[in-house]
N, C-alpha and C. Protein backbone atom coordinates (compact mmCIF):
# COMPACT_ATOMS: atom_id res chain seq x y z
N UNK A 1 -3.36 -1.63 15.62
CA UNK A 1 -2.47 -0.99 15.15
C UNK A 1 -3.00 0.29 13.73
N UNK A 2 -4.22 -0.28 14.07
CA UNK A 2 -5.28 0.42 12.81
C UNK A 2 -5.59 1.96 13.08
N UNK A 3 -5.40 2.29 14.44
CA UNK A 3 -5.52 3.66 14.79
C UNK A 3 -4.43 4.98 14.81
N UNK A 4 -3.35 4.27 14.29
CA UNK A 4 -2.26 4.97 13.75
C UNK A 4 -2.33 5.02 12.17
N UNK A 5 -2.40 6.19 11.53
CA UNK A 5 -2.38 6.21 10.38
C UNK A 5 -0.98 6.63 10.02
N UNK A 6 -0.74 5.73 8.66
CA UNK A 6 0.61 6.04 7.96
C UNK A 6 1.44 6.80 7.93
N UNK A 7 0.76 7.96 7.41
CA UNK A 7 0.81 9.08 7.80
C UNK A 7 1.41 9.74 8.52
N UNK A 8 0.71 9.71 9.79
CA UNK A 8 1.06 10.91 10.89
C UNK A 8 2.17 10.28 11.82
N UNK A 9 2.83 8.70 11.29
CA UNK A 9 3.81 7.93 12.10
C UNK A 9 4.67 9.24 12.83
N UNK A 10 5.41 9.78 11.22
CA UNK A 10 6.86 10.54 11.88
C UNK A 10 6.27 12.32 12.12
N UNK A 11 5.17 12.36 12.11
CA UNK A 11 4.44 14.02 12.18
C UNK A 11 4.59 14.22 13.40
N UNK A 12 4.91 15.35 13.53
CA UNK A 12 4.49 15.83 15.29
C UNK A 12 3.19 15.56 15.83
N UNK A 13 2.91 15.26 17.04
CA UNK A 13 1.40 15.19 17.13
C UNK A 13 1.10 15.27 18.38
N UNK A 14 -0.11 15.43 18.74
CA UNK A 14 -0.76 15.64 19.89
C UNK A 14 -0.42 14.70 20.85
N UNK A 15 -0.82 14.43 22.28
CA UNK A 15 -0.65 13.71 23.38
C UNK A 15 -1.26 12.37 23.00
N UNK A 16 -2.94 12.42 22.13
CA UNK A 16 -3.25 11.17 21.79
C UNK A 16 -2.67 10.08 20.40
N UNK A 17 -2.13 11.35 19.72
CA UNK A 17 -1.17 10.17 18.71
C UNK A 17 -0.23 10.07 19.36
N UNK A 18 0.31 10.97 20.10
CA UNK A 18 1.84 10.16 20.63
C UNK A 18 1.41 9.03 21.50
N UNK A 19 0.24 8.75 22.41
CA UNK A 19 -0.47 7.66 23.01
C UNK A 19 -0.53 6.75 22.19
N UNK A 20 -0.94 6.62 21.20
CA UNK A 20 -1.28 5.68 20.02
C UNK A 20 -0.01 5.30 19.66
N UNK A 21 1.21 5.74 19.24
CA UNK A 21 2.48 5.32 18.56
C UNK A 21 2.92 4.55 19.64
N UNK A 22 3.00 4.74 20.66
CA UNK A 22 3.77 4.20 22.03
C UNK A 22 2.75 2.75 22.22
N UNK A 23 1.10 2.86 21.86
CA UNK A 23 0.84 1.79 21.97
C UNK A 23 1.02 0.75 21.03
N UNK A 24 1.09 1.12 19.63
CA UNK A 24 1.35 0.80 18.40
C UNK A 24 3.25 0.09 18.91
N UNK A 25 3.96 0.49 19.25
CA UNK A 25 5.50 -0.12 19.24
C UNK A 25 5.20 -0.95 20.58
N UNK A 26 4.42 -0.52 21.96
CA UNK A 26 4.28 -1.64 23.35
C UNK A 26 3.88 -2.73 22.31
N UNK A 27 2.79 -3.02 21.73
CA UNK A 27 2.13 -4.19 21.15
C UNK A 27 2.91 -5.09 20.15
N UNK A 28 3.37 -4.20 18.95
CA UNK A 28 3.73 -4.89 18.01
C UNK A 28 5.36 -4.91 17.97
N UNK A 29 6.40 -4.28 18.70
CA UNK A 29 7.46 -4.25 18.85
C UNK A 29 8.32 -5.75 18.88
N UNK A 30 8.17 -6.42 19.71
CA UNK A 30 8.68 -7.86 19.75
C UNK A 30 8.24 -8.70 18.95
N UNK A 31 6.93 -8.75 18.62
CA UNK A 31 6.78 -9.63 17.61
C UNK A 31 7.39 -9.16 16.39
N UNK A 32 7.12 -8.30 16.02
CA UNK A 32 8.07 -7.66 14.79
C UNK A 32 9.67 -7.94 14.76
N UNK A 33 9.93 -7.86 15.71
CA UNK A 33 11.77 -8.01 16.01
C UNK A 33 11.71 -9.48 15.56
N UNK A 34 11.08 -10.46 16.62
CA UNK A 34 11.13 -11.70 16.40
C UNK A 34 10.99 -12.32 15.08
N UNK A 35 10.46 -11.51 14.65
CA UNK A 35 10.45 -12.31 12.97
C UNK A 35 11.48 -11.75 12.29
N UNK A 36 11.89 -10.26 12.50
CA UNK A 36 13.08 -10.45 11.40
C UNK A 36 14.54 -10.01 11.88
N UNK A 37 14.59 -10.16 13.11
CA UNK A 37 16.05 -10.07 13.98
C UNK A 37 17.11 -10.39 12.83
N UNK A 38 17.32 -11.64 12.38
CA UNK A 38 18.16 -12.30 11.89
C UNK A 38 18.65 -11.58 10.43
N UNK A 39 17.08 -11.18 9.94
CA UNK A 39 17.62 -10.13 8.61
C UNK A 39 17.86 -8.73 8.56
N UNK A 40 17.85 -8.36 9.69
CA UNK A 40 17.89 -6.50 9.72
C UNK A 40 19.54 -6.44 10.48
N UNK A 41 19.93 -5.43 10.00
CA UNK A 41 21.59 -5.18 10.43
C UNK A 41 21.44 -4.20 11.68
N UNK A 42 20.11 -3.58 12.26
CA UNK A 42 19.78 -2.37 13.01
C UNK A 42 19.36 -3.23 14.23
N UNK A 43 19.28 -4.50 14.21
CA UNK A 43 18.57 -4.86 15.22
C UNK A 43 18.87 -4.65 16.59
N UNK A 44 20.53 -4.20 16.79
CA UNK A 44 20.78 -4.13 18.02
C UNK A 44 20.24 -2.27 18.47
N UNK A 45 20.57 -1.62 17.60
CA UNK A 45 20.05 -0.31 17.40
C UNK A 45 18.38 -0.31 17.92
N UNK A 46 17.54 -1.05 16.96
CA UNK A 46 16.05 -0.93 17.62
C UNK A 46 15.94 -1.23 18.91
N UNK A 47 16.37 -2.37 19.05
CA UNK A 47 16.14 -2.99 20.93
C UNK A 47 16.43 -1.88 21.52
N UNK A 48 18.00 -1.53 21.66
CA UNK A 48 18.45 -0.21 22.32
C UNK A 48 17.56 0.96 22.48
N UNK A 49 16.90 1.31 21.33
CA UNK A 49 16.38 2.21 20.93
C UNK A 49 14.79 2.04 22.07
N UNK A 50 14.74 0.95 21.58
CA UNK A 50 13.19 0.53 23.03
C UNK A 50 13.43 0.54 23.94
N UNK A 51 14.60 0.36 24.73
CA UNK A 51 14.75 0.22 26.42
C UNK A 51 14.74 1.71 26.37
N UNK A 52 15.35 2.63 25.60
CA UNK A 52 15.60 4.03 26.12
C UNK A 52 14.05 4.66 25.81
N UNK A 53 13.15 4.34 24.86
CA UNK A 53 12.34 4.63 24.99
C UNK A 53 11.32 4.11 26.01
N UNK A 54 11.74 3.29 26.95
CA UNK A 54 10.59 2.50 28.17
C UNK A 54 10.96 2.98 29.41
N UNK A 55 12.35 3.92 29.44
CA UNK A 55 13.28 4.17 30.02
C UNK A 55 12.45 5.16 30.97
N UNK A 56 12.34 5.44 32.34
CA UNK A 56 11.54 6.38 32.90
C UNK A 56 12.55 7.57 33.16
N UNK A 57 13.86 7.50 32.91
CA UNK A 57 14.88 8.44 33.01
C UNK A 57 14.50 9.36 31.76
N UNK A 58 14.17 8.63 30.46
CA UNK A 58 14.46 9.34 29.46
C UNK A 58 13.13 10.45 29.27
N UNK A 59 13.89 11.72 28.88
CA UNK A 59 13.16 13.14 28.75
C UNK A 59 11.79 12.48 27.56
N UNK A 60 10.43 13.07 28.22
CA UNK A 60 9.36 12.81 27.03
C UNK A 60 9.61 13.22 25.81
N UNK A 61 9.98 14.45 25.43
CA UNK A 61 10.87 14.78 24.14
C UNK A 61 11.39 13.32 23.44
N UNK A 62 12.27 12.55 23.84
CA UNK A 62 13.20 11.62 23.51
C UNK A 62 12.36 10.80 23.10
N UNK A 63 11.68 10.17 24.25
CA UNK A 63 10.54 9.17 23.99
C UNK A 63 9.50 9.51 23.07
N UNK A 64 9.04 10.64 22.48
CA UNK A 64 8.32 10.72 21.39
C UNK A 64 8.94 10.50 19.90
N UNK A 65 10.10 10.68 20.01
CA UNK A 65 10.92 10.62 18.56
C UNK A 65 11.33 9.27 18.61
N UNK A 66 11.61 8.59 19.36
CA UNK A 66 11.86 7.08 19.63
C UNK A 66 10.61 6.29 19.28
N UNK A 67 9.34 6.48 20.42
CA UNK A 67 8.21 5.76 19.40
C UNK A 67 7.86 6.04 18.14
N UNK A 68 7.52 7.45 17.75
CA UNK A 68 7.39 7.77 16.16
C UNK A 68 8.50 6.52 15.28
N UNK A 69 9.73 6.45 15.54
CA UNK A 69 10.94 5.92 14.59
C UNK A 69 10.41 4.38 14.76
N UNK A 70 10.24 3.87 16.29
CA UNK A 70 9.69 2.44 16.41
C UNK A 70 8.73 2.03 15.69
N UNK A 71 7.36 3.02 15.74
CA UNK A 71 6.02 2.93 15.36
C UNK A 71 6.38 2.26 13.90
N UNK A 72 7.27 3.73 13.23
CA UNK A 72 7.46 3.48 11.07
C UNK A 72 8.21 1.98 11.32
N UNK A 73 8.81 1.58 12.24
CA UNK A 73 9.41 -0.17 11.98
C UNK A 73 7.90 -1.16 12.49
N UNK A 74 7.46 -0.92 13.17
CA UNK A 74 6.34 -1.60 13.32
C UNK A 74 5.35 -2.08 12.67
N UNK A 75 5.00 -0.82 11.91
CA UNK A 75 3.77 -0.76 10.86
C UNK A 75 3.85 -1.40 9.72
N UNK A 76 2.72 -2.03 9.42
CA UNK A 76 2.82 -3.01 8.44
C UNK A 76 2.77 -2.27 6.68
N UNK A 77 2.11 -0.78 6.81
CA UNK A 77 2.17 -0.34 5.80
C UNK A 77 4.03 0.05 6.08
N UNK A 78 4.12 0.21 4.52
CA UNK A 78 6.13 0.97 4.56
C UNK A 78 6.03 1.38 2.97
N UNK A 79 7.05 2.53 3.28
CA UNK A 79 7.47 2.78 1.98
C UNK A 79 7.97 1.74 1.18
N UNK A 80 9.13 1.20 1.46
CA UNK A 80 9.15 0.26 1.02
C UNK A 80 9.16 -0.77 1.71
N UNK A 81 8.19 -2.03 1.17
CA UNK A 81 7.86 -3.24 1.87
C UNK A 81 8.81 -3.82 2.52
N UNK A 82 8.79 -4.61 3.59
CA UNK A 82 10.06 -5.49 4.11
C UNK A 82 9.83 -6.46 3.48
N UNK A 83 9.26 -7.17 2.80
CA UNK A 83 9.17 -8.40 2.04
C UNK A 83 10.48 -8.37 1.00
N UNK A 84 10.97 -6.97 0.46
CA UNK A 84 11.93 -6.82 -0.03
C UNK A 84 13.33 -7.12 0.72
N UNK A 85 13.89 -8.15 0.43
CA UNK A 85 15.40 -8.77 1.42
C UNK A 85 15.97 -7.37 1.17
N UNK A 86 16.47 -7.01 2.33
CA UNK A 86 17.98 -6.58 2.44
C UNK A 86 17.40 -4.95 2.09
N UNK A 87 17.07 -4.62 0.75
CA UNK A 87 16.53 -2.89 1.11
C UNK A 87 15.04 -3.18 1.33
N UNK A 88 14.30 -3.75 1.77
CA UNK A 88 13.07 -3.49 2.64
C UNK A 88 13.38 -2.68 3.67
N UNK A 89 14.16 -3.18 4.52
CA UNK A 89 14.30 -2.41 5.93
C UNK A 89 15.41 -1.12 5.65
N UNK A 90 15.49 -0.78 4.36
CA UNK A 90 16.65 0.60 4.48
C UNK A 90 15.93 1.91 4.95
N UNK A 91 14.54 1.91 4.55
CA UNK A 91 13.67 3.04 5.03
C UNK A 91 13.78 3.01 6.87
N UNK A 92 13.62 1.75 6.96
CA UNK A 92 13.26 1.45 8.94
C UNK A 92 14.46 2.18 9.35
N UNK A 93 15.60 1.50 8.75
CA UNK A 93 17.09 2.31 9.06
C UNK A 93 17.22 3.28 9.34
N UNK A 94 16.70 4.48 8.00
CA UNK A 94 17.16 5.53 7.79
C UNK A 94 16.30 6.40 8.63
N UNK A 95 14.75 5.81 8.93
CA UNK A 95 14.27 6.54 9.82
C UNK A 95 14.95 6.50 11.44
N UNK A 96 15.15 5.22 11.84
CA UNK A 96 15.84 4.88 12.88
C UNK A 96 17.25 6.02 13.38
N UNK A 97 18.07 6.08 12.09
CA UNK A 97 19.25 6.81 12.08
C UNK A 97 18.93 8.17 12.42
N UNK A 98 18.07 8.77 11.68
CA UNK A 98 17.61 9.90 11.74
C UNK A 98 17.09 9.89 13.24
N UNK A 99 16.62 9.44 13.84
CA UNK A 99 15.62 9.65 15.24
C UNK A 99 16.90 9.97 16.18
N UNK A 100 17.87 8.69 15.94
CA UNK A 100 18.91 8.83 16.73
C UNK A 100 19.68 9.92 16.82
N UNK A 101 20.01 10.80 15.66
CA UNK A 101 20.66 11.74 15.59
C UNK A 101 19.70 13.03 15.97
N UNK A 102 18.48 12.84 15.84
CA UNK A 102 17.94 14.15 16.61
C UNK A 102 17.90 14.04 18.28
N UNK A 103 18.31 12.60 18.52
CA UNK A 103 17.95 12.40 20.17
C UNK A 103 19.43 12.43 20.48
N UNK A 104 20.28 12.22 20.03
CA UNK A 104 22.02 12.05 20.01
C UNK A 104 22.19 12.22 21.74
N UNK A 105 23.03 11.21 22.18
CA UNK A 105 23.45 11.58 23.51
C UNK A 105 22.46 10.35 24.84
N UNK A 106 21.20 10.48 24.04
CA UNK A 106 20.06 9.51 25.29
C UNK A 106 19.99 8.20 25.27
N UNK A 107 20.24 7.84 24.22
CA UNK A 107 20.77 6.37 24.26
C UNK A 107 21.85 5.72 24.90
N UNK A 108 22.20 5.49 25.89
CA UNK A 108 22.89 5.35 26.84
C UNK A 108 23.62 3.26 26.36
N UNK A 109 24.31 3.63 27.37
CA UNK A 109 25.32 2.09 26.90
C UNK A 109 24.52 1.37 28.05
N UNK A 110 23.57 1.54 29.09
CA UNK A 110 22.86 0.30 29.26
C UNK A 110 21.86 0.17 28.79
N UNK A 111 21.29 0.89 27.80
CA UNK A 111 20.12 0.59 26.61
C UNK A 111 21.06 -0.49 25.90
N UNK A 112 22.12 -0.30 25.42
CA UNK A 112 22.58 -1.29 24.40
C UNK A 112 23.10 -2.23 25.61
N UNK A 113 23.53 -2.43 26.91
CA UNK A 113 23.82 -3.87 27.28
C UNK A 113 22.33 -4.50 27.83
N UNK A 114 21.14 -4.06 28.01
CA UNK A 114 20.12 -4.33 27.63
C UNK A 114 19.62 -5.18 26.61
N UNK A 115 19.86 -4.13 25.20
CA UNK A 115 19.34 -4.89 23.72
C UNK A 115 20.51 -6.18 23.85
N UNK A 116 21.56 -5.68 23.98
CA UNK A 116 22.58 -7.42 23.74
C UNK A 116 21.91 -8.67 24.63
N UNK A 117 21.74 -8.31 26.25
CA UNK A 117 20.91 -9.17 26.55
C UNK A 117 20.20 -9.67 25.44
N UNK A 118 18.80 -8.94 25.59
CA UNK A 118 17.19 -9.48 24.81
C UNK A 118 17.97 -10.10 23.67
N UNK A 119 18.96 -9.64 22.85
CA UNK A 119 19.39 -10.11 21.66
C UNK A 119 19.74 -11.75 21.77
N UNK A 120 20.77 -11.52 22.82
CA UNK A 120 21.11 -13.12 22.97
C UNK A 120 20.16 -13.98 23.67
N UNK A 121 19.14 -13.90 24.33
CA UNK A 121 18.12 -14.52 25.08
C UNK A 121 17.37 -14.85 23.77
N UNK A 122 17.32 -15.04 22.79
CA UNK A 122 16.58 -14.93 21.54
C UNK A 122 15.45 -14.31 21.56
N UNK A 123 15.49 -12.92 21.70
CA UNK A 123 14.56 -12.29 21.88
C UNK A 123 13.13 -12.48 22.76
N UNK A 124 13.39 -12.53 23.51
CA UNK A 124 12.32 -12.76 25.18
C UNK A 124 11.77 -11.29 25.07
N UNK A 125 10.75 -11.50 25.32
CA UNK A 125 10.01 -9.94 25.45
C UNK A 125 10.27 -9.53 27.18
N UNK A 126 10.50 -8.32 27.16
CA UNK A 126 11.10 -8.24 28.88
C UNK A 126 9.85 -7.95 29.73
N UNK A 127 10.06 -8.10 30.69
CA UNK A 127 8.89 -8.25 31.86
C UNK A 127 8.47 -6.48 31.68
N UNK A 128 9.28 -5.74 32.26
CA UNK A 128 9.63 -4.08 32.33
C UNK A 128 10.77 -3.92 32.34
N UNK A 129 10.94 -2.76 31.70
CA UNK A 129 12.15 -2.12 31.11
C UNK A 129 12.44 -1.21 32.19
N UNK A 130 13.81 -0.55 32.07
CA UNK A 130 13.88 0.82 32.51
C UNK A 130 14.48 0.42 34.05
């Protein structure tokens, strides 16, 4: 995670930056989610975003937006530290909400169904998405 700098998470980037974001998300998403799922009201949306971002049918631009938003969620540095109950995740939720607005319609019902299964299975890491 040290390769991705906090300031570049949400900025448009070249292929290398986007690849680093994707790597941050692929390695850090499930461990972070397991730790905080019970405390965040947007867990279902975050997991649906994961499934959409890792879906082979999702357009590259949409994947880039989602990986940027999910990288922000995963990164330990934060505008509002996650250790503060409730408000600590408000910035993460705002970033994910903004990402959803940008890619409206690409997070499909199948992504939410996969999210529901993952959340009900006590947040088990999926073998393969998509």
